[in-house]
Amino acid sequence: MRTEQDDSDHAQAIVFVTEFERIADVLVADLENPRTPAKQLPGLRDELYQVRAQIRRLEDEYGLRNSVRERG
């Protein structure tokens, strides 16, 4: 049975996933931008990997894989 705290935690996780997805979108855009200096690419890839890992952890922990994607 879910508690009010569980619902609050779930809602906060959705917000975090949404924000992390926005960050990932910016990182992908930077990686695909031909003007991004080659020296920055490894750091951007590492950061993108970390952001995506955090998204997966939150989705797994709070069962968000379907609910976040359905919101669009």
N, C-alpha and C. Protein backbone atom coordinates (compact mmCIF):
# COMPACT_ATOMS: atom_id res chain seq x y z
N MET A 1 0.84 -1.18 0.00
CA MET A 1 0.00 0.00 0.00
C MET A 1 0.89 1.25 0.00
N ARG A 2 0.59 2.16 -0.92
CA ARG A 2 1.39 3.37 -1.03
C ARG A 2 0.95 4.39 0.01
N THR A 3 1.93 5.06 0.56
CA THR A 3 1.65 6.12 1.53
C THR A 3 1.73 7.47 0.84
N GLU A 4 1.35 8.48 1.60
CA GLU A 4 1.44 9.85 1.07
C GLU A 4 2.90 10.20 0.75
N GLN A 5 3.81 9.72 1.59
CA GLN A 5 5.24 9.95 1.34
C GLN A 5 5.68 9.24 0.07
N ASP A 6 5.20 8.03 -0.15
CA ASP A 6 5.52 7.30 -1.38
C ASP A 6 5.05 8.07 -2.60
N ASP A 7 3.83 8.61 -2.52
CA ASP A 7 3.30 9.39 -3.64
C ASP A 7 4.14 10.64 -3.89
N SER A 8 4.57 11.27 -2.80
CA SER A 8 5.42 12.47 -2.91
C SER A 8 6.77 12.11 -3.53
N ASP A 9 7.36 11.02 -3.06
CA ASP A 9 8.65 10.57 -3.60
C ASP A 9 8.52 10.23 -5.08
N HIS A 10 7.44 9.58 -5.44
CA HIS A 10 7.19 9.19 -6.84
C HIS A 10 7.06 10.44 -7.71
N ALA A 11 6.30 11.41 -7.23
CA ALA A 11 6.12 12.66 -7.99
C ALA A 11 7.45 13.39 -8.15
N GLN A 12 8.24 13.43 -7.10
CA GLN A 12 9.55 14.09 -7.18
C GLN A 12 10.47 13.36 -8.14
N ALA A 13 10.42 12.04 -8.15
CA ALA A 13 11.24 11.27 -9.09
C ALA A 13 10.86 11.59 -10.53
N ILE A 14 9.56 11.75 -10.79
CA ILE A 14 9.11 12.12 -12.14
C ILE A 14 9.70 13.46 -12.54
N VAL A 15 9.69 14.42 -11.62
CA VAL A 15 10.26 15.74 -11.90
C VAL A 15 11.75 15.61 -12.20
N PHE A 16 12.45 14.84 -11.38
CA PHE A 16 13.90 14.66 -11.61
C PHE A 16 14.17 14.02 -12.97
N VAL A 17 13.43 12.99 -13.31
CA VAL A 17 13.64 12.32 -14.60
C VAL A 17 13.40 13.30 -15.74
N THR A 18 12.35 14.10 -15.64
CA THR A 18 12.05 15.09 -16.68
C THR A 18 13.20 16.08 -16.83
N GLU A 19 13.73 16.55 -15.71
CA GLU A 19 14.84 17.50 -15.75
C GLU A 19 16.12 16.84 -16.28
N PHE A 20 16.40 15.62 -15.85
CA PHE A 20 17.57 14.91 -16.37
C PHE A 20 17.44 14.67 -17.88
N GLU A 21 16.23 14.41 -18.35
CA GLU A 21 16.03 14.21 -19.79
C GLU A 21 16.30 15.50 -20.55
N ARG A 22 15.93 16.63 -19.98
CA ARG A 22 16.24 17.92 -20.62
C ARG A 22 17.74 18.14 -20.68
N ILE A 23 18.43 17.81 -19.59
CA ILE A 23 19.89 17.94 -19.58
C ILE A 23 20.50 17.03 -20.64
N ALA A 24 20.01 15.80 -20.73
CA ALA A 24 20.52 14.86 -21.73
C ALA A 24 20.30 15.40 -23.14
N ASP A 25 19.15 16.02 -23.39
CA ASP A 25 18.88 16.60 -24.71
C ASP A 25 19.89 17.68 -25.06
N VAL A 26 20.23 18.52 -24.08
CA VAL A 26 21.22 19.58 -24.31
C VAL A 26 22.59 18.97 -24.58
N LEU A 27 22.95 17.95 -23.82
CA LEU A 27 24.24 17.30 -24.03
C LEU A 27 24.32 16.66 -25.41
N VAL A 28 23.25 16.01 -25.84
CA VAL A 28 23.23 15.40 -27.17
C VAL A 28 23.38 16.48 -28.24
N ALA A 29 22.67 17.59 -28.07
CA ALA A 29 22.78 18.69 -29.03
C ALA A 29 24.21 19.21 -29.09
N ASP A 30 24.85 19.34 -27.93
CA ASP A 30 26.24 19.79 -27.91
C ASP A 30 27.16 18.78 -28.59
N LEU A 31 26.92 17.50 -28.36
CA LEU A 31 27.75 16.47 -28.99
C LEU A 31 27.57 16.44 -30.50
N GLU A 32 26.38 16.73 -30.97
CA GLU A 32 26.10 16.70 -32.41
C GLU A 32 26.47 18.01 -33.11
N ASN A 33 26.74 19.05 -32.34
CA ASN A 33 27.07 20.35 -32.91
C ASN A 33 28.50 20.31 -33.45
N PRO A 34 28.67 20.57 -34.74
CA PRO A 34 30.02 20.52 -35.32
C PRO A 34 30.95 21.60 -34.75
N ARG A 35 30.41 22.60 -34.11
CA ARG A 35 31.24 23.67 -33.54
C ARG A 35 31.75 23.34 -32.14
N THR A 36 31.28 22.26 -31.57
CA THR A 36 31.78 21.86 -30.26
C THR A 36 33.22 21.40 -30.40
N PRO A 37 34.14 22.02 -29.64
CA PRO A 37 35.55 21.62 -29.74
C PRO A 37 35.75 20.15 -29.40
N ALA A 38 36.62 19.51 -30.15
CA ALA A 38 36.90 18.08 -29.96
C ALA A 38 37.37 17.78 -28.54
N LYS A 39 38.06 18.72 -27.91
CA LYS A 39 38.54 18.51 -26.55
C LYS A 39 37.39 18.33 -25.55
N GLN A 40 36.23 18.92 -25.86
CA GLN A 40 35.08 18.86 -24.95
C GLN A 40 34.26 17.58 -25.12
N LEU A 41 34.40 16.91 -26.24
CA LEU A 41 33.55 15.76 -26.54
C LEU A 41 33.66 14.63 -25.52
N PRO A 42 34.84 14.22 -25.09
CA PRO A 42 34.90 13.14 -24.10
C PRO A 42 34.18 13.50 -22.79
N GLY A 43 34.34 14.71 -22.34
CA GLY A 43 33.67 15.15 -21.11
C GLY A 43 32.16 15.19 -21.27
N LEU A 44 31.69 15.63 -22.44
CA LEU A 44 30.26 15.67 -22.70
C LEU A 44 29.68 14.26 -22.77
N ARG A 45 30.41 13.35 -23.41
CA ARG A 45 29.95 11.94 -23.48
C ARG A 45 29.88 11.32 -22.09
N ASP A 46 30.88 11.60 -21.26
CA ASP A 46 30.89 11.08 -19.90
C ASP A 46 29.71 11.63 -19.09
N GLU A 47 29.48 12.93 -19.22
CA GLU A 47 28.36 13.54 -18.51
C GLU A 47 27.02 12.97 -18.99
N LEU A 48 26.88 12.77 -20.30
CA LEU A 48 25.66 12.19 -20.84
C LEU A 48 25.46 10.78 -20.30
N TYR A 49 26.53 10.00 -20.25
CA TYR A 49 26.45 8.64 -19.71
C TYR A 49 25.96 8.68 -18.25
N GLN A 50 26.50 9.59 -17.46
CA GLN A 50 26.11 9.70 -16.06
C GLN A 50 24.65 10.13 -15.90
N VAL A 51 24.22 11.07 -16.73
CA VAL A 51 22.83 11.54 -16.67
C VAL A 51 21.88 10.40 -17.04
N ARG A 52 22.21 9.69 -18.10
CA ARG A 52 21.34 8.57 -18.52
C ARG A 52 21.32 7.46 -17.47
N ALA A 53 22.43 7.23 -16.80
CA ALA A 53 22.48 6.23 -15.73
C ALA A 53 21.58 6.65 -14.57
N GLN A 54 21.59 7.93 -14.25
CA GLN A 54 20.73 8.42 -13.17
C GLN A 54 19.26 8.30 -13.55
N ILE A 55 18.94 8.58 -14.80
CA ILE A 55 17.56 8.42 -15.27
C ILE A 55 17.13 6.96 -15.11
N ARG A 56 17.98 6.04 -15.55
CA ARG A 56 17.65 4.61 -15.42
C ARG A 56 17.46 4.20 -13.97
N ARG A 57 18.33 4.70 -13.07
CA ARG A 57 18.19 4.35 -11.65
C ARG A 57 16.86 4.83 -11.09
N LEU A 58 16.49 6.06 -11.41
CA LEU A 58 15.22 6.60 -10.92
C LEU A 58 14.04 5.83 -11.52
N GLU A 59 14.12 5.55 -12.81
CA GLU A 59 13.03 4.80 -13.45
C GLU A 59 12.89 3.42 -12.84
N ASP A 60 13.99 2.77 -12.56
CA ASP A 60 13.95 1.44 -11.96
C ASP A 60 13.42 1.50 -10.53
N GLU A 61 13.94 2.44 -9.76
CA GLU A 61 13.56 2.54 -8.35
C GLU A 61 12.08 2.88 -8.16
N TYR A 62 11.55 3.74 -9.01
CA TYR A 62 10.18 4.22 -8.84
C TYR A 62 9.22 3.68 -9.90
N GLY A 63 9.68 2.73 -10.70
CA GLY A 63 8.79 2.13 -11.71
C GLY A 63 8.28 3.15 -12.70
N LEU A 64 9.16 3.99 -13.21
CA LEU A 64 8.74 5.11 -14.07
C LEU A 64 8.90 4.86 -15.55
N ARG A 65 9.47 3.76 -15.94
CA ARG A 65 9.75 3.57 -17.37
C ARG A 65 8.54 3.82 -18.25
N ASN A 66 7.39 3.33 -17.87
CA ASN A 66 6.19 3.54 -18.67
C ASN A 66 5.49 4.84 -18.33
N SER A 67 5.36 5.18 -17.05
CA SER A 67 4.58 6.34 -16.67
C SER A 67 5.18 7.65 -17.18
N VAL A 68 6.51 7.78 -17.15
CA VAL A 68 7.14 9.02 -17.63
C VAL A 68 7.00 9.11 -19.15
N ARG A 69 7.20 8.01 -19.82
CA ARG A 69 7.12 8.02 -21.29
C ARG A 69 5.69 8.30 -21.77
N GLU A 70 4.70 7.81 -21.04
CA GLU A 70 3.30 8.01 -21.43
C GLU A 70 2.89 9.47 -21.32
N ARG A 71 3.52 10.21 -20.37
CA ARG A 71 3.16 11.63 -20.21
C ARG A 71 3.57 12.43 -21.43
N GLY A 72 4.55 11.91 -22.16
CA GLY A 72 4.98 12.58 -23.38
C GLY A 72 5.99 13.59 -23.09
